[in-house]
């Protein structure tokens, strides 16, 4: 589980106080945002943070998962097909129930592993993550 940035800032503050005193804290403090800085919406950040991956570059197990999704199962795990909440906010913001997640089997893993395909309601809106939702790539079926 990733530590939220606010906790990292507290940890950095505590370390600075213990090691370098107030001067180190001032040096590590984040600069205040400029008054004229443009505002960027979360949806824009989300859409920009999603990469892309060619269908041909997916691991072979992802092809199996996509085939199962297309044929509506049966799926190897009970969690497959459940609603993906997008709590990380990386995918474009959509209403709850829009996204669903499916396991991409990781050979040799005793658990579901970290690989998933998350589908959206639009046609061929399929995202691949190899790092348990830390990043996503939209699958490009044309390459």
Protein backbone atom coordinates (compact mmCIF):
# COMPACT_ATOMS: atom_id res chain seq x y z
CA UNK A 1 0.00 0.00 0.00
CA UNK A 2 1.33 3.39 -0.92
CA UNK A 3 1.69 5.97 1.80
CA UNK A 4 -0.42 9.05 1.06
CA UNK A 5 1.70 12.16 0.32
CA UNK A 6 0.46 13.98 3.43
CA UNK A 7 2.06 11.27 5.59
CA UNK A 8 5.28 11.48 3.63
CA UNK A 9 5.37 15.23 4.29
CA UNK A 10 4.93 14.66 8.03
CA UNK A 11 7.71 12.06 7.95
CA UNK A 12 9.99 14.45 6.02
CA UNK A 13 9.19 17.21 8.49
CA UNK A 14 9.99 14.99 11.48
CA UNK A 15 13.24 13.80 9.89
CA UNK A 16 14.26 17.36 9.10
CA UNK A 17 13.59 18.50 12.65
CA UNK A 18 15.60 15.62 14.08
CA UNK A 19 18.49 15.94 11.65
CA UNK A 20 18.77 19.52 10.46
CA UNK A 21 16.58 21.71 12.59
CA UNK A 22 14.34 24.53 11.34
CA UNK A 23 16.68 25.50 8.48
CA UNK A 24 16.34 22.05 6.91
CA UNK A 25 12.57 22.24 7.30
CA UNK A 26 12.44 25.57 5.47
CA UNK A 27 14.60 24.15 2.68
CA UNK A 28 12.30 21.14 2.26
CA UNK A 29 9.03 23.03 2.48
CA UNK A 30 7.02 22.90 -0.71
CA UNK A 31 6.84 26.24 -2.53
CA UNK A 32 3.53 28.02 -2.35
CA UNK A 33 1.56 27.83 -5.60
CA UNK A 34 1.79 30.96 -7.69
CA UNK A 35 -1.35 33.04 -7.76
CA UNK A 36 -1.41 32.95 -11.54
CA UNK A 37 -0.88 29.17 -11.84
CA UNK A 38 -3.56 27.59 -14.03
CA UNK A 39 -5.97 25.20 -12.41
CA UNK A 40 -6.05 21.66 -13.82
CA UNK A 41 -9.06 19.47 -13.19
CA UNK A 42 -8.69 15.99 -11.71
CA UNK A 43 -10.32 14.52 -14.84
CA UNK A 44 -7.62 16.10 -17.02
CA UNK A 45 -4.86 14.80 -14.76
CA UNK A 46 -6.43 11.35 -14.77
CA UNK A 47 -6.77 11.16 -18.53
CA UNK A 48 -3.20 12.41 -18.99
CA UNK A 49 -1.79 9.90 -16.50
CA UNK A 50 -3.07 6.88 -18.42
CA UNK A 51 -0.57 5.46 -20.88
CA UNK A 52 -1.12 3.17 -23.82
CA UNK A 53 -0.01 -0.36 -24.65
CA UNK A 54 -0.23 -2.28 -27.90
CA UNK A 55 -2.36 -5.39 -27.76
CA UNK A 56 0.63 -7.32 -29.15
CA UNK A 57 2.77 -6.20 -26.18
CA UNK A 58 0.47 -7.67 -23.52
CA UNK A 59 1.52 -10.80 -21.65
CA UNK A 60 -0.09 -13.96 -23.05
CA UNK A 61 -2.25 -14.35 -19.95
CA UNK A 62 -3.89 -10.99 -20.73
CA UNK A 63 -5.12 -12.44 -24.04
CA UNK A 64 -6.75 -15.26 -22.06
CA UNK A 65 -8.43 -12.73 -19.76
CA UNK A 66 -9.69 -10.63 -22.68
CA UNK A 67 -11.09 -13.79 -24.31
CA UNK A 68 -12.91 -14.66 -21.07
CA UNK A 69 -14.31 -11.14 -20.84
CA UNK A 70 -15.56 -11.33 -24.43
CA UNK A 71 -17.26 -14.68 -23.76
CA UNK A 72 -18.58 -13.58 -20.34
CA UNK A 73 -16.54 -16.17 -18.38
CA UNK A 74 -16.28 -18.40 -16.56
CA UNK A 75 -13.63 -16.52 -14.62
CA UNK A 76 -10.96 -18.09 -12.40
CA UNK A 77 -11.56 -15.80 -9.40
CA UNK A 78 -14.78 -14.74 -7.69
CA UNK A 79 -13.60 -11.11 -7.72
CA UNK A 80 -13.46 -11.07 -11.53
CA UNK A 81 -16.17 -8.89 -13.01
CA UNK A 82 -16.70 -6.88 -9.83
CA UNK A 83 -17.01 -3.12 -9.89
CA UNK A 84 -13.69 -1.29 -9.90
CA UNK A 85 -14.01 1.83 -7.74
CA UNK A 86 -11.14 3.86 -9.28
CA UNK A 87 -10.16 5.01 -5.79
CA UNK A 88 -6.69 5.85 -7.05
CA UNK A 89 -8.25 8.38 -9.44
CA UNK A 90 -5.90 7.42 -12.28
CA UNK A 91 -8.59 6.42 -14.77
CA UNK A 92 -10.94 9.09 -16.10
CA UNK A 93 -13.65 9.91 -13.58
CA UNK A 94 -16.86 8.01 -14.27
CA UNK A 95 -19.90 7.04 -12.18
CA UNK A 96 -19.63 4.05 -9.83
CA UNK A 97 -20.29 0.84 -11.75
CA UNK A 98 -18.70 2.09 -14.96
CA UNK A 99 -15.47 0.10 -14.53
CA UNK A 100 -15.05 -3.64 -13.81
CA UNK A 101 -11.88 -5.53 -12.97
CA UNK A 102 -10.54 -8.91 -14.07
CA UNK A 103 -7.48 -10.88 -13.02
CA UNK A 104 -4.61 -11.48 -15.41
CA UNK A 105 -3.06 -14.65 -14.04
CA UNK A 106 0.57 -14.35 -12.98
CA UNK A 107 2.33 -17.70 -13.48
CA UNK A 108 3.92 -18.98 -10.29
CA UNK A 109 2.05 -16.56 -8.03
CA UNK A 110 0.18 -18.19 -5.12
CA UNK A 111 -2.29 -15.27 -5.16
CA UNK A 112 -4.12 -13.29 -7.82
CA UNK A 113 -0.96 -11.27 -8.33
CA UNK A 114 -0.86 -7.61 -9.33
CA UNK A 115 -1.96 -7.78 -12.96
CA UNK A 116 -5.48 -6.76 -13.96
CA UNK A 117 -7.59 -5.65 -16.86
CA UNK A 118 -10.12 -2.97 -16.03
CA UNK A 119 -12.91 -2.49 -18.54
CA UNK A 120 -15.04 0.57 -19.12
CA UNK A 121 -18.54 0.60 -20.55
CA UNK A 122 -17.42 1.97 -23.91
CA UNK A 123 -16.46 -0.49 -26.64
CA UNK A 124 -12.84 -1.62 -26.39
CA UNK A 125 -12.15 0.59 -23.39
CA UNK A 126 -9.84 -1.87 -21.71
CA UNK A 127 -6.99 -0.87 -19.42
CA UNK A 128 -4.07 -3.04 -18.34
CA UNK A 129 -2.19 -2.65 -15.06
CA UNK A 130 0.79 -4.75 -14.08
CA UNK A 131 1.31 -3.01 -10.74
CA UNK A 132 -2.03 -3.37 -8.94
CA UNK A 133 -3.58 -0.05 -9.99
CA UNK A 134 -0.50 2.17 -9.53
CA UNK A 135 -0.57 2.84 -13.28
CA UNK A 136 -2.78 1.99 -16.23
CA UNK A 137 -2.32 1.63 -19.97
CA UNK A 138 -5.24 1.80 -22.41
CA UNK A 139 -5.02 -1.25 -24.65
CA UNK A 140 -4.59 -0.27 -28.30
CA UNK A 141 -6.15 -3.09 -30.32
CA UNK A 142 -4.85 -1.70 -33.62
CA UNK A 143 -1.22 -2.66 -33.03
